[in-house]
Amino acid sequence: MVEPSLSDVCALVHMRCRAIMHRPLSHPDLRSFQIGKGMSRTRRHPPRAASVFLAAGLLALGYVAYVVADAKMYQAIEQKRFESLRGIAAVSPELAASGRR
């Protein structure tokens, strides 16, 4: 048996595609199809579920951004407070040498 060449296979595929494209619209599903009409409404617009999930994801990202910003701000405030208290509560050298608490 002889293997067909690539050009033979391409020619066969091309002929079949042309035959399919130019056959009459006899199938019931194909009768309602109009050339040039474009995509259906469901394909043109994203499904509502996708919009809902997008909104939920954006809300979740906003919440995470708020929590991270709040934590950073809290850390900065408490660090500043700690630094100011550390300067006030410094142990005198005499107290440290005596061993008292």
Protein backbone atom coordinates (compact mmCIF):
# COMPACT_ATOMS: atom_id res chain seq x y z
CA MET A 1 0.00 0.00 0.00
CA VAL A 2 1.34 3.40 -0.97
CA GLU A 3 1.27 6.19 1.62
CA PRO A 4 -0.35 9.38 0.32
CA SER A 5 1.87 12.42 0.21
CA LEU A 6 1.20 15.56 2.20
CA SER A 7 0.06 17.43 -0.90
CA ASP A 8 -2.45 14.64 -1.67
CA VAL A 9 -3.86 14.82 1.86
CA CYS A 10 -4.10 18.62 1.68
CA ALA A 11 -5.88 18.45 -1.66
CA LEU A 12 -8.37 15.90 -0.31
CA VAL A 13 -9.09 18.02 2.77
CA HIS A 14 -9.52 21.10 0.60
CA MET A 15 -11.99 19.30 -1.69
CA ARG A 16 -14.02 18.02 1.27
CA CYS A 17 -14.15 21.45 2.90
CA ARG A 18 -15.34 23.06 -0.33
CA ALA A 19 -17.97 20.35 -0.75
CA ILE A 20 -19.25 20.89 2.78
CA MET A 21 -19.32 24.67 2.40
CA HIS A 22 -21.24 24.60 -0.88
CA ARG A 23 -23.84 21.92 -0.16
CA PRO A 24 -27.48 22.99 0.11
CA LEU A 25 -28.88 23.79 3.53
CA SER A 26 -31.11 20.75 3.87
CA HIS A 27 -30.53 19.93 7.51
CA PRO A 28 -33.21 21.44 9.81
CA ASP A 29 -30.60 23.10 12.02
CA LEU A 30 -28.84 24.62 9.03
CA ARG A 31 -31.96 26.20 7.51
CA SER A 32 -32.15 28.85 10.23
CA PHE A 33 -28.46 29.69 9.83
CA GLN A 34 -27.88 32.91 7.93
CA ILE A 35 -24.51 33.72 6.48
CA GLY A 36 -23.16 37.04 7.69
CA LYS A 37 -25.42 37.25 10.72
CA GLY A 38 -22.49 36.93 13.10
CA MET A 39 -22.36 35.46 16.54
CA SER A 40 -25.44 34.73 18.58
CA ARG A 41 -26.42 36.86 21.53
CA THR A 42 -25.13 34.30 24.03
CA ARG A 43 -21.73 34.26 22.35
CA ARG A 44 -21.47 38.02 21.97
CA HIS A 45 -21.99 38.83 25.62
CA PRO A 46 -20.27 36.97 28.42
CA PRO A 47 -22.57 34.84 30.52
CA ARG A 48 -23.93 36.39 33.69
CA ALA A 49 -22.10 33.88 35.85
CA ALA A 50 -18.78 35.16 34.52
CA SER A 51 -19.77 38.72 35.40
CA VAL A 52 -20.79 37.65 38.89
CA PHE A 53 -17.52 35.81 39.43
CA LEU A 54 -15.56 38.79 38.12
CA ALA A 55 -17.36 41.12 40.53
CA ALA A 56 -16.80 38.71 43.44
CA GLY A 57 -13.11 38.44 42.57
CA LEU A 58 -12.71 42.21 42.39
CA LEU A 59 -14.48 42.61 45.73
CA ALA A 60 -12.21 39.98 47.27
CA LEU A 61 -9.12 41.76 45.92
CA GLY A 62 -10.39 45.06 47.31
CA TYR A 63 -10.95 43.49 50.72
CA VAL A 64 -7.47 41.98 50.74
CA ALA A 65 -5.94 45.33 49.75
CA TYR A 66 -7.84 47.02 52.60
CA VAL A 67 -6.71 44.43 55.16
CA VAL A 68 -3.06 44.62 54.06
CA ALA A 69 -3.07 48.45 54.11
CA ASP A 70 -4.73 48.45 57.53
CA ALA A 71 -2.15 45.99 58.92
CA LYS A 72 0.75 48.04 57.55
CA MET A 73 -0.71 51.23 59.05
CA TYR A 74 -1.27 49.50 62.42
CA GLN A 75 2.31 48.20 62.42
CA ALA A 76 3.70 51.67 61.64
CA ILE A 77 1.65 53.29 64.42
CA GLU A 78 2.58 50.67 67.00
CA GLN A 79 6.26 50.77 65.97
CA LYS A 80 6.27 54.53 66.48
CA ARG A 81 4.55 54.14 69.87
CA PHE A 82 7.01 51.42 70.90
CA GLU A 83 10.01 53.53 69.92
CA SER A 84 8.70 56.50 71.91
CA LEU A 85 8.02 54.35 75.02
CA ARG A 86 11.39 52.64 74.77
CA GLY A 87 13.13 55.99 75.09
CA ILE A 88 11.09 56.89 78.17
CA ALA A 89 11.48 53.55 79.91
CA ALA A 90 15.25 53.33 79.48
CA VAL A 91 16.93 51.76 82.49
CA SER A 92 19.44 53.90 84.27
CA PRO A 93 22.95 52.44 84.53
CA GLU A 94 22.86 52.58 88.36
CA LEU A 95 19.66 50.55 88.51
CA ALA A 96 21.04 47.99 86.07
CA ALA A 97 24.27 47.61 88.09
CA SER A 98 22.45 47.10 91.39
CA GLY A 99 20.38 44.21 89.95
CA ARG A 100 17.02 45.55 91.14
CA ARG A 101 13.94 45.25 89.11
